[in-house]
């Protein structure tokens, strides 16, 4: 298990998001989370 002294930076998290795709993820809980987030942020 890895422990970080400092939390990851926003730049590091952005780089991860750009490189990783969840389009074919079939995990039901993740799909539910994704749909919920899409509803929340589409209302703005």
PDB file of N, CA and C in Angstrom:
ATOM      1  N   UNK A   1       0.848  -1.174   0.000  1.00  0.00           N
ATOM      2  CA  UNK A   1       0.000   0.000   0.000  1.00  0.00           C
ATOM      3  C   UNK A   1       0.890   1.233   0.000  1.00  0.00           C
ATOM      4  N   UNK A   2       0.507   2.228  -0.808  1.00  0.00           N
ATOM      5  CA  UNK A   2       1.291   3.456  -0.881  1.00  0.00           C
ATOM      6  C   UNK A   2       0.618   4.551  -0.063  1.00  0.00           C
ATOM      7  N   UNK A   3       1.422   5.296   0.646  1.00  0.00           N
ATOM      8  CA  UNK A   3       0.923   6.433   1.400  1.00  0.00           C
ATOM      9  C   UNK A   3       1.616   7.677   0.881  1.00  0.00           C
ATOM     10  N   UNK A   4       0.865   8.745   0.721  1.00  0.00           N
ATOM     11  CA  UNK A   4       1.424   9.998   0.234  1.00  0.00           C
ATOM     12  C   UNK A   4       1.533  10.982   1.388  1.00  0.00           C
ATOM     13  N   UNK A   5       2.667  11.654   1.447  1.00  0.00           N
ATOM     14  CA  UNK A   5       2.843  12.704   2.446  1.00  0.00           C
ATOM     15  C   UNK A   5       1.956  13.883   2.065  1.00  0.00           C
ATOM     16  N   UNK A   6       1.943  14.217   0.780  1.00  0.00           N
ATOM     17  CA  UNK A   6       1.103  15.297   0.257  1.00  0.00           C
ATOM     18  C   UNK A   6       0.084  14.686  -0.708  1.00  0.00           C
ATOM     19  N   UNK A   7      -1.112  15.224  -0.759  1.00  0.00           N
ATOM     20  CA  UNK A   7      -2.084  14.706  -1.719  1.00  0.00           C
ATOM     21  C   UNK A   7      -1.612  14.987  -3.151  1.00  0.00           C
ATOM     22  N   UNK A   8      -2.066  14.191  -4.120  1.00  0.00           N
ATOM     23  CA  UNK A   8      -1.660  14.432  -5.504  1.00  0.00           C
ATOM     24  C   UNK A   8      -2.097  15.819  -5.969  1.00  0.00           C
ATOM     25  N   UNK A   9      -1.295  16.418  -6.814  1.00  0.00           N
ATOM     26  CA  UNK A   9      -1.614  17.761  -7.301  1.00  0.00           C
ATOM     27  C   UNK A   9      -2.728  17.700  -8.338  1.00  0.00           C
ATOM     28  N   UNK A  10      -3.358  18.830  -8.563  1.00  0.00           N
ATOM     29  CA  UNK A  10      -4.420  18.919  -9.565  1.00  0.00           C
ATOM     30  C   UNK A  10      -3.874  18.580 -10.946  1.00  0.00           C
ATOM     31  N   UNK A  11      -2.646  18.991 -11.225  1.00  0.00           N
ATOM     32  CA  UNK A  11      -2.041  18.702 -12.527  1.00  0.00           C
ATOM     33  C   UNK A  11      -1.854  17.201 -12.722  1.00  0.00           C
ATOM     34  N   UNK A  12      -1.448  16.514 -11.683  1.00  0.00           N
ATOM     35  CA  UNK A  12      -1.267  15.067 -11.759  1.00  0.00           C
ATOM     36  C   UNK A  12      -2.608  14.368 -11.974  1.00  0.00           C
ATOM     37  N   UNK A  13      -3.636  14.800 -11.261  1.00  0.00           N
ATOM     38  CA  UNK A  13      -4.965  14.209 -11.423  1.00  0.00           C
ATOM     39  C   UNK A  13      -5.519  14.480 -12.817  1.00  0.00           C
ATOM     40  N   UNK A  14      -5.293  15.674 -13.339  1.00  0.00           N
ATOM     41  CA  UNK A  14      -5.751  16.002 -14.693  1.00  0.00           C
ATOM     42  C   UNK A  14      -5.064  15.102 -15.715  1.00  0.00           C
ATOM     43  N   UNK A  15      -3.759  14.890 -15.552  1.00  0.00           N
ATOM     44  CA  UNK A  15      -3.004  14.026 -16.457  1.00  0.00           C
ATOM     45  C   UNK A  15      -3.575  12.607 -16.435  1.00  0.00           C
ATOM     46  N   UNK A  16      -3.921  12.121 -15.267  1.00  0.00           N
ATOM     47  CA  UNK A  16      -4.503  10.791 -15.128  1.00  0.00           C
ATOM     48  C   UNK A  16      -5.854  10.705 -15.840  1.00  0.00           C
ATOM     49  N   UNK A  17      -6.693  11.710 -15.647  1.00  0.00           N
ATOM     50  CA  UNK A  17      -8.023  11.719 -16.261  1.00  0.00           C
ATOM     51  C   UNK A  17      -7.923  11.736 -17.784  1.00  0.00           C
ATOM     52  N   UNK A  18      -6.966  12.470 -18.307  1.00  0.00           N
ATOM     53  CA  UNK A  18      -6.792  12.553 -19.758  1.00  0.00           C
ATOM     54  C   UNK A  18      -6.354  11.202 -20.333  1.00  0.00           C
ATOM     55  N   UNK A  19      -5.557  10.455 -19.591  1.00  0.00           N
ATOM     56  CA  UNK A  19      -4.983   9.210 -20.105  1.00  0.00           C
ATOM     57  C   UNK A  19      -5.856   7.977 -19.886  1.00  0.00           C
ATOM     58  N   UNK A  20      -6.742   8.010 -18.906  1.00  0.00           N
ATOM     59  CA  UNK A  20      -7.516   6.826 -18.543  1.00  0.00           C
ATOM     60  C   UNK A  20      -8.942   6.966 -19.074  1.00  0.00           C
ATOM     61  N   UNK A  21      -9.444   5.900 -19.656  1.00  0.00           N
ATOM     62  CA  UNK A  21     -10.810   5.905 -20.170  1.00  0.00           C
ATOM     63  C   UNK A  21     -11.654   4.895 -19.401  1.00  0.00           C
ATOM     64  N   UNK A  22     -12.872   5.298 -19.079  1.00  0.00           N
ATOM     65  CA  UNK A  22     -13.802   4.413 -18.386  1.00  0.00           C
ATOM     66  C   UNK A  22     -14.982   4.039 -19.278  1.00  0.00           C
ATOM     67  N   UNK A  23     -14.852   4.285 -20.564  1.00  0.00           N
ATOM     68  CA  UNK A  23     -15.962   4.077 -21.491  1.00  0.00           C
ATOM     69  C   UNK A  23     -16.455   2.632 -21.502  1.00  0.00           C
ATOM     70  N   UNK A  24     -15.554   1.677 -21.370  1.00  0.00           N
ATOM     71  CA  UNK A  24     -15.972   0.276 -21.438  1.00  0.00           C
ATOM     72  C   UNK A  24     -16.084  -0.381 -20.069  1.00  0.00           C
ATOM     73  N   UNK A  25     -16.050   0.399 -19.030  1.00  0.00           N
ATOM     74  CA  UNK A  25     -16.188  -0.132 -17.680  1.00  0.00           C
ATOM     75  C   UNK A  25     -17.597  -0.695 -17.499  1.00  0.00           C
ATOM     76  N   UNK A  26     -17.690  -1.921 -17.025  1.00  0.00           N
ATOM     77  CA  UNK A  26     -18.988  -2.572 -16.855  1.00  0.00           C
ATOM     78  C   UNK A  26     -19.372  -2.733 -15.382  1.00  0.00           C
ATOM     79  N   UNK A  27     -18.602  -2.185 -14.484  1.00  0.00           N
ATOM     80  CA  UNK A  27     -18.873  -2.292 -13.061  1.00  0.00           C
ATOM     81  C   UNK A  27     -20.135  -1.490 -12.736  1.00  0.00           C
ATOM     82  N   UNK A  28     -21.155  -2.158 -12.238  1.00  0.00           N
ATOM     83  CA  UNK A  28     -22.474  -1.545 -12.044  1.00  0.00           C
ATOM     84  C   UNK A  28     -22.433  -0.318 -11.131  1.00  0.00           C
ATOM     85  N   UNK A  29     -21.689  -0.399 -10.049  1.00  0.00           N
ATOM     86  CA  UNK A  29     -21.619   0.731  -9.114  1.00  0.00           C
ATOM     87  C   UNK A  29     -20.981   1.948  -9.780  1.00  0.00           C
ATOM     88  N   UNK A  30     -19.985   1.716 -10.621  1.00  0.00           N
ATOM     89  CA  UNK A  30     -19.343   2.830 -11.322  1.00  0.00           C
ATOM     90  C   UNK A  30     -20.304   3.451 -12.328  1.00  0.00           C
ATOM     91  N   UNK A  31     -21.059   2.619 -13.038  1.00  0.00           N
ATOM     92  CA  UNK A  31     -22.032   3.126 -13.997  1.00  0.00           C
ATOM     93  C   UNK A  31     -23.082   3.992 -13.306  1.00  0.00           C
ATOM     94  N   UNK A  32     -23.519   3.558 -12.136  1.00  0.00           N
ATOM     95  CA  UNK A  32     -24.489   4.335 -11.367  1.00  0.00           C
ATOM     96  C   UNK A  32     -23.900   5.674 -10.936  1.00  0.00           C
ATOM     97  N   UNK A  33     -22.674   5.656 -10.459  1.00  0.00           N
ATOM     98  CA  UNK A  33     -21.991   6.897 -10.069  1.00  0.00           C
ATOM     99  C   UNK A  33     -21.865   7.823 -11.266  1.00  0.00           C
ATOM    100  N   UNK A  34     -21.448   7.278 -12.388  1.00  0.00           N
ATOM    101  CA  UNK A  34     -21.268   8.084 -13.605  1.00  0.00           C
ATOM    102  C   UNK A  34     -22.588   8.732 -14.028  1.00  0.00           C
ATOM    103  N   UNK A  35     -23.673   7.977 -13.996  1.00  0.00           N
ATOM    104  CA  UNK A  35     -24.981   8.527 -14.361  1.00  0.00           C
ATOM    105  C   UNK A  35     -25.420   9.622 -13.398  1.00  0.00           C
ATOM    106  N   UNK A  36     -25.175   9.407 -12.120  1.00  0.00           N
ATOM    107  CA  UNK A  36     -25.529  10.419 -11.111  1.00  0.00           C
ATOM    108  C   UNK A  36     -24.743  11.703 -11.339  1.00  0.00           C
ATOM    109  N   UNK A  37     -23.464  11.593 -11.576  1.00  0.00           N
ATOM    110  CA  UNK A  37     -22.634  12.776 -11.821  1.00  0.00           C
ATOM    111  C   UNK A  37     -23.067  13.497 -13.091  1.00  0.00           C
ATOM    112  N   UNK A  38     -23.411  12.738 -14.122  1.00  0.00           N
ATOM    113  CA  UNK A  38     -23.871  13.363 -15.358  1.00  0.00           C
ATOM    114  C   UNK A  38     -25.161  14.145 -15.128  1.00  0.00           C
ATOM    115  N   UNK A  39     -26.065  13.599 -14.323  1.00  0.00           N
ATOM    116  CA  UNK A  39     -27.305  14.312 -14.007  1.00  0.00           C
ATOM    117  C   UNK A  39     -27.014  15.594 -13.236  1.00  0.00           C
ATOM    118  N   UNK A  40     -26.155  15.486 -12.233  1.00  0.00           N
ATOM    119  CA  UNK A  40     -25.832  16.651 -11.411  1.00  0.00           C
ATOM    120  C   UNK A  40     -25.239  17.778 -12.251  1.00  0.00           C
ATOM    121  N   UNK A  41     -24.260  17.430 -13.083  1.00  0.00           N
ATOM    122  CA  UNK A  41     -23.523  18.457 -13.802  1.00  0.00           C
ATOM    123  C   UNK A  41     -24.184  18.888 -15.094  1.00  0.00           C
ATOM    124  N   UNK A  42     -25.178  18.150 -15.560  1.00  0.00           N
ATOM    125  CA  UNK A  42     -25.898  18.586 -16.758  1.00  0.00           C
ATOM    126  C   UNK A  42     -26.946  19.632 -16.400  1.00  0.00           C
ATOM    127  N   UNK A  43     -27.265  19.759 -15.126  1.00  0.00           N
ATOM    128  CA  UNK A  43     -28.259  20.728 -14.668  1.00  0.00           C
ATOM    129  C   UNK A  43     -27.693  22.136 -14.585  1.00  0.00           C
ATOM    130  N   UNK A  44     -26.423  22.265 -14.672  1.00  0.00           N
ATOM    131  CA  UNK A  44     -25.782  23.600 -14.552  1.00  0.00           C
ATOM    132  C   UNK A  44     -25.907  24.387 -15.798  1.00  0.00           C
TER     133      UNK A  44
END
